[in-house]
Amino acid sequence: MSDHYNAFEMSPVPVPGPDAVAPEPFRGIYGMPAFATIPTADLAGSVDFWVRGLGFFELFSIPGRLVHLRRWAFQDVLLVPAESVPEQPPALSLSFACVLGQVDAIAEACRAVRPDSVTGPEDTPWNTRDVHVVTPENARVIITAGKPLDPDSREARNLAAIGITPPDAGPGHNGAHA
């Protein structure tokens, strides 16, 4: 028996599917449960890439000190000026959800701004389609979209093996979406 339960009402991420519609950019001010702070040697260039490539918008800025970017609710990034950035991307990555219909467009938009910044899209064993992006600050960003889960698929079996089953899968189901 799993102690996981369906809590998707807390998330702006829609149920995966070919017709899933991305939520509108969220412009409200809230206490951020988590966010990334990313140093950049070129604040304007970084903002341009995150906006035109990754689909974020500028929520607000403090000139010369900070730019607060956001996509959906709870997808917050603070860009801050720095003298330099690492020459190589770190092992750590940040993942941001999107819907399947956005994956290819985000990959192409990033390639248009920085041609060698993107790897993928690729499908994962945990039932997502991911694009790996290295930003101008050498941050590793993964844009990820859940795929509809075919209950007879290898991905469904992979998830079931670790205790994650689709909603309404029968008695004792944990209600997780993949």
C-alpha atoms as a PDB file:
ATOM      1  CA  MET A   1       0.000   0.000   0.000  1.00  0.00           C
ATOM      2  CA  SER A   2       1.319   3.431  -0.900  1.00  0.00           C
ATOM      3  CA  ASP A   3       0.863   6.615   1.084  1.00  0.00           C
ATOM      4  CA  HIS A   4       0.900   8.705  -2.117  1.00  0.00           C
ATOM      5  CA  TYR A   5      -2.325  10.376  -3.162  1.00  0.00           C
ATOM      6  CA  ASN A   6      -3.629  12.518  -5.992  1.00  0.00           C
ATOM      7  CA  ALA A   7      -2.878  16.184  -5.257  1.00  0.00           C
ATOM      8  CA  PHE A   8      -2.848  17.528  -8.798  1.00  0.00           C
ATOM      9  CA  GLU A   9      -5.207  20.352  -7.826  1.00  0.00           C
ATOM     10  CA  MET A  10      -2.169  22.049  -6.226  1.00  0.00           C
ATOM     11  CA  SER A  11      -0.234  22.122  -9.486  1.00  0.00           C
ATOM     12  CA  PRO A  12      -0.576  24.322 -12.562  1.00  0.00           C
ATOM     13  CA  VAL A  13       0.587  21.370 -14.687  1.00  0.00           C
ATOM     14  CA  PRO A  14      -2.337  19.942 -16.702  1.00  0.00           C
ATOM     15  CA  VAL A  15      -3.001  16.226 -17.036  1.00  0.00           C
ATOM     16  CA  PRO A  16      -0.689  14.909 -19.786  1.00  0.00           C
ATOM     17  CA  GLY A  17      -2.249  14.468 -23.182  1.00  0.00           C
ATOM     18  CA  PRO A  18      -1.922  15.491 -26.798  1.00  0.00           C
ATOM     19  CA  ASP A  19      -4.530  18.232 -26.323  1.00  0.00           C
ATOM     20  CA  ALA A  20      -3.272  19.476 -22.927  1.00  0.00           C
ATOM     21  CA  VAL A  21      -3.330  23.260 -22.784  1.00  0.00           C
ATOM     22  CA  ALA A  22      -0.586  25.124 -20.967  1.00  0.00           C
ATOM     23  CA  PRO A  23      -1.771  27.481 -18.250  1.00  0.00           C
ATOM     24  CA  GLU A  24      -1.420  31.188 -18.836  1.00  0.00           C
ATOM     25  CA  PRO A  25       1.723  32.826 -17.475  1.00  0.00           C
ATOM     26  CA  PHE A  26       1.091  33.524 -13.798  1.00  0.00           C
ATOM     27  CA  ARG A  27       1.586  37.169 -12.841  1.00  0.00           C
ATOM     28  CA  GLY A  28       0.473  36.989  -9.210  1.00  0.00           C
ATOM     29  CA  ILE A  29       2.774  37.645  -6.287  1.00  0.00           C
ATOM     30  CA  TYR A  30       3.022  34.757  -3.817  1.00  0.00           C
ATOM     31  CA  GLY A  31       5.410  33.305  -1.263  1.00  0.00           C
ATOM     32  CA  MET A  32       7.662  31.204  -3.478  1.00  0.00           C
ATOM     33  CA  PRO A  33       8.021  27.643  -2.146  1.00  0.00           C
ATOM     34  CA  ALA A  34      11.187  27.210  -4.228  1.00  0.00           C
ATOM     35  CA  PHE A  35      13.087  29.223  -6.811  1.00  0.00           C
ATOM     36  CA  ALA A  36      16.441  29.293  -8.548  1.00  0.00           C
ATOM     37  CA  THR A  37      18.932  32.140  -8.298  1.00  0.00           C
ATOM     38  CA  ILE A  38      21.267  32.139 -11.275  1.00  0.00           C
ATOM     39  CA  PRO A  39      24.308  34.425 -11.550  1.00  0.00           C
ATOM     40  CA  THR A  40      25.028  35.892 -14.969  1.00  0.00           C
ATOM     41  CA  ALA A  41      27.814  38.010 -16.422  1.00  0.00           C
ATOM     42  CA  ASP A  42      25.378  39.404 -19.032  1.00  0.00           C
ATOM     43  CA  LEU A  43      22.026  40.194 -17.421  1.00  0.00           C
ATOM     44  CA  ALA A  44      20.398  41.527 -20.611  1.00  0.00           C
ATOM     45  CA  GLY A  45      21.616  38.598 -22.719  1.00  0.00           C
ATOM     46  CA  SER A  46      20.428  36.093 -20.126  1.00  0.00           C
ATOM     47  CA  VAL A  47      16.997  37.713 -19.883  1.00  0.00           C
ATOM     48  CA  ASP A  48      16.725  37.602 -23.686  1.00  0.00           C
ATOM     49  CA  PHE A  49      17.507  33.870 -23.786  1.00  0.00           C
ATOM     50  CA  TRP A  50      15.161  32.946 -20.935  1.00  0.00           C
ATOM     51  CA  VAL A  51      12.343  35.023 -22.460  1.00  0.00           C
ATOM     52  CA  ARG A  52      12.717  34.279 -26.193  1.00  0.00           C
ATOM     53  CA  GLY A  53      14.120  30.764 -25.840  1.00  0.00           C
ATOM     54  CA  LEU A  54      12.599  29.222 -22.732  1.00  0.00           C
ATOM     55  CA  GLY A  55       9.313  31.143 -22.711  1.00  0.00           C
ATOM     56  CA  PHE A  56       9.671  32.955 -19.392  1.00  0.00           C
ATOM     57  CA  PHE A  57       8.507  36.536 -18.867  1.00  0.00           C
ATOM     58  CA  GLU A  58       9.916  39.304 -16.724  1.00  0.00           C
ATOM     59  CA  LEU A  59       7.755  39.543 -13.608  1.00  0.00           C
ATOM     60  CA  PHE A  60       9.773  42.490 -12.277  1.00  0.00           C
ATOM     61  CA  SER A  61      13.316  43.767 -12.033  1.00  0.00           C
ATOM     62  CA  ILE A  62      15.516  45.836  -9.781  1.00  0.00           C
ATOM     63  CA  PRO A  63      17.745  47.560 -12.346  1.00  0.00           C
ATOM     64  CA  GLY A  64      21.297  46.261 -12.279  1.00  0.00           C
ATOM     65  CA  ARG A  65      20.589  43.937  -9.327  1.00  0.00           C
ATOM     66  CA  LEU A  66      17.953  41.326 -10.150  1.00  0.00           C
ATOM     67  CA  VAL A  67      15.477  40.178 -12.777  1.00  0.00           C
ATOM     68  CA  HIS A  68      12.632  37.938 -11.586  1.00  0.00           C
ATOM     69  CA  LEU A  69      11.477  35.627 -14.400  1.00  0.00           C
ATOM     70  CA  ARG A  70       8.505  33.282 -14.422  1.00  0.00           C
ATOM     71  CA  ARG A  71       6.553  30.930 -16.710  1.00  0.00           C
ATOM     72  CA  TRP A  72       3.746  29.211 -14.839  1.00  0.00           C
ATOM     73  CA  ALA A  73       2.975  29.486 -11.135  1.00  0.00           C
ATOM     74  CA  PHE A  74       5.899  28.125  -9.095  1.00  0.00           C
ATOM     75  CA  GLN A  75       8.343  28.325 -12.038  1.00  0.00           C
ATOM     76  CA  ASP A  76      10.456  31.222 -10.783  1.00  0.00           C
ATOM     77  CA  VAL A  77      14.038  32.158 -11.648  1.00  0.00           C
ATOM     78  CA  LEU A  78      16.005  35.097 -10.293  1.00  0.00           C
ATOM     79  CA  LEU A  79      18.846  36.281 -12.523  1.00  0.00           C
ATOM     80  CA  VAL A  80      21.496  38.256 -10.655  1.00  0.00           C
ATOM     81  CA  PRO A  81      24.641  39.964 -11.965  1.00  0.00           C
ATOM     82  CA  ALA A  82      27.993  38.288 -11.379  1.00  0.00           C
ATOM     83  CA  GLU A  83      31.567  39.031 -12.421  1.00  0.00           C
ATOM     84  CA  SER A  84      31.813  35.658 -14.161  1.00  0.00           C
ATOM     85  CA  VAL A  85      30.033  32.347 -14.575  1.00  0.00           C
ATOM     86  CA  PRO A  86      31.441  28.812 -14.541  1.00  0.00           C
ATOM     87  CA  GLU A  87      33.113  27.781 -17.780  1.00  0.00           C
ATOM     88  CA  GLN A  88      31.340  24.408 -17.661  1.00  0.00           C
ATOM     89  CA  PRO A  89      27.756  23.632 -16.700  1.00  0.00           C
ATOM     90  CA  PRO A  90      27.431  22.073 -13.230  1.00  0.00           C
ATOM     91  CA  ALA A  91      26.039  18.585 -12.704  1.00  0.00           C
ATOM     92  CA  LEU A  92      22.900  20.103 -11.137  1.00  0.00           C
ATOM     93  CA  SER A  93      19.958  20.772 -13.434  1.00  0.00           C
ATOM     94  CA  LEU A  94      16.653  22.634 -13.081  1.00  0.00           C
ATOM     95  CA  SER A  95      13.523  21.126 -14.596  1.00  0.00           C
ATOM     96  CA  PHE A  96      10.467  23.072 -15.726  1.00  0.00           C
ATOM     97  CA  ALA A  97       7.204  21.471 -16.833  1.00  0.00           C
ATOM     98  CA  CYS A  98       5.491  22.265 -20.096  1.00  0.00           C
ATOM     99  CA  VAL A  99       2.888  20.466 -22.193  1.00  0.00           C
ATOM    100  CA  LEU A 100       3.752  18.136 -25.075  1.00  0.00           C
ATOM    101  CA  GLY A 101       2.666  20.692 -27.661  1.00  0.00           C
ATOM    102  CA  GLN A 102       5.362  23.094 -26.382  1.00  0.00           C
ATOM    103  CA  VAL A 103       8.413  20.803 -26.353  1.00  0.00           C
ATOM    104  CA  ASP A 104       9.468  21.165 -29.992  1.00  0.00           C
ATOM    105  CA  ALA A 105       8.692  24.892 -30.096  1.00  0.00           C
ATOM    106  CA  ILE A 106      10.813  25.572 -26.996  1.00  0.00           C
ATOM    107  CA  ALA A 107      13.685  23.511 -28.430  1.00  0.00           C
ATOM    108  CA  GLU A 108      13.536  25.450 -31.706  1.00  0.00           C
ATOM    109  CA  ALA A 109      13.242  28.820 -29.956  1.00  0.00           C
ATOM    110  CA  CYS A 110      16.332  28.045 -27.857  1.00  0.00           C
ATOM    111  CA  ARG A 111      18.221  26.920 -30.968  1.00  0.00           C
ATOM    112  CA  ALA A 112      17.238  30.154 -32.710  1.00  0.00           C
ATOM    113  CA  VAL A 113      18.748  32.221 -29.885  1.00  0.00           C
ATOM    114  CA  ARG A 114      21.752  29.919 -29.157  1.00  0.00           C
ATOM    115  CA  PRO A 115      22.201  27.225 -31.829  1.00  0.00           C
ATOM    116  CA  ASP A 116      24.275  24.795 -29.755  1.00  0.00           C
ATOM    117  CA  SER A 117      22.272  25.115 -26.536  1.00  0.00           C
ATOM    118  CA  VAL A 118      19.825  22.212 -26.978  1.00  0.00           C
ATOM    119  CA  THR A 119      19.889  18.420 -26.837  1.00  0.00           C
ATOM    120  CA  GLY A 120      16.733  16.509 -27.660  1.00  0.00           C
ATOM    121  CA  PRO A 121      13.808  16.193 -27.442  1.00  0.00           C
ATOM    122  CA  GLU A 122      14.050  12.672 -26.100  1.00  0.00           C
ATOM    123  CA  ASP A 123      11.597  10.324 -24.422  1.00  0.00           C
ATOM    124  CA  THR A 124      12.360   9.010 -20.935  1.00  0.00           C
ATOM    125  CA  PRO A 125      11.593   5.697 -19.202  1.00  0.00           C
ATOM    126  CA  TRP A 126       9.430   7.659 -16.709  1.00  0.00           C
ATOM    127  CA  ASN A 127       7.035   8.780 -19.463  1.00  0.00           C
ATOM    128  CA  THR A 128       8.139  12.307 -20.276  1.00  0.00           C
ATOM    129  CA  ARG A 129       9.561  14.033 -23.328  1.00  0.00           C
ATOM    130  CA  ASP A 130      12.513  16.195 -22.348  1.00  0.00           C
ATOM    131  CA  VAL A 131      14.671  18.880 -23.902  1.00  0.00           C
ATOM    132  CA  HIS A 132      18.044  19.603 -22.295  1.00  0.00           C
ATOM    133  CA  VAL A 133      19.218  23.204 -22.534  1.00  0.00           C
ATOM    134  CA  VAL A 134      22.426  24.922 -21.449  1.00  0.00           C
ATOM    135  CA  THR A 135      21.693  28.603 -20.851  1.00  0.00           C
ATOM    136  CA  PRO A 136      24.120  31.500 -21.414  1.00  0.00           C
ATOM    137  CA  GLU A 137      24.992  31.288 -17.670  1.00  0.00           C
ATOM    138  CA  ASN A 138      25.885  27.599 -18.132  1.00  0.00           C
ATOM    139  CA  ALA A 139      22.849  26.500 -16.134  1.00  0.00           C
ATOM    140  CA  ARG A 140      21.443  23.107 -17.115  1.00  0.00           C
ATOM    141  CA  VAL A 141      17.699  23.375 -17.722  1.00  0.00           C
ATOM    142  CA  ILE A 142      15.379  20.506 -18.601  1.00  0.00           C
ATOM    143  CA  ILE A 143      12.061  21.333 -20.187  1.00  0.00           C
ATOM    144  CA  THR A 144       9.859  18.328 -19.522  1.00  0.00           C
ATOM    145  CA  ALA A 145       6.360  17.298 -20.577  1.00  0.00           C
ATOM    146  CA  GLY A 146       4.401  14.324 -19.299  1.00  0.00           C
ATOM    147  CA  LYS A 147       3.129  12.002 -22.000  1.00  0.00           C
ATOM    148  CA  PRO A 148      -0.254  10.269 -21.883  1.00  0.00           C
ATOM    149  CA  LEU A 149       0.257   7.015 -20.017  1.00  0.00           C
ATOM    150  CA  ASP A 150      -0.661   3.855 -21.870  1.00  0.00           C
ATOM    151  CA  PRO A 151      -1.409   1.375 -19.052  1.00  0.00           C
ATOM    152  CA  ASP A 152       0.040  -1.453 -21.174  1.00  0.00           C
ATOM    153  CA  SER A 153       3.303   0.348 -21.968  1.00  0.00           C
ATOM    154  CA  ARG A 154       6.821  -0.319 -20.722  1.00  0.00           C
ATOM    155  CA  GLU A 155       6.715   3.125 -19.052  1.00  0.00           C
ATOM    156  CA  ALA A 156       3.587   2.141 -17.094  1.00  0.00           C
ATOM    157  CA  ARG A 157       5.300  -1.068 -15.996  1.00  0.00           C
ATOM    158  CA  ASN A 158       8.423   0.916 -14.977  1.00  0.00           C
ATOM    159  CA  LEU A 159       6.294   3.251 -12.872  1.00  0.00           C
ATOM    160  CA  ALA A 160       4.202   0.428 -11.381  1.00  0.00           C
ATOM    161  CA  ALA A 161       7.421  -1.335 -10.346  1.00  0.00           C
ATOM    162  CA  ILE A 162       8.219   1.591  -8.047  1.00  0.00           C
ATOM    163  CA  GLY A 163       4.652   1.940  -6.742  1.00  0.00           C
ATOM    164  CA  ILE A 164       3.269   4.630  -9.037  1.00  0.00           C
ATOM    165  CA  THR A 165       0.030   3.717 -10.792  1.00  0.00           C
ATOM    166  CA  PRO A 166      -2.368   5.820 -12.839  1.00  0.00           C
ATOM    167  CA  PRO A 167      -5.425   7.351 -11.185  1.00  0.00           C
ATOM    168  CA  ASP A 168      -8.455   5.099 -10.968  1.00  0.00           C
ATOM    169  CA  ALA A 169      -6.301   2.020 -11.468  1.00  0.00           C
ATOM    170  CA  GLY A 170      -8.291   0.060  -8.936  1.00  0.00           C
ATOM    171  CA  PRO A 171      -8.161  -0.676  -5.222  1.00  0.00           C
ATOM    172  CA  GLY A 172      -5.165   0.750  -3.415  1.00  0.00           C
ATOM    173  CA  HIS A 173      -4.131   2.978  -6.307  1.00  0.00           C
ATOM    174  CA  ASN A 174      -2.054   5.954  -5.371  1.00  0.00           C
ATOM    175  CA  GLY A 175      -3.497   8.421  -7.876  1.00  0.00           C
ATOM    176  CA  ALA A 176      -0.173   9.526  -9.324  1.00  0.00           C
ATOM    177  CA  HIS A 177      -0.045  10.808 -12.861  1.00  0.00           C
ATOM    178  CA  ALA A 178       3.025  10.200 -14.906  1.00  0.00           C
END
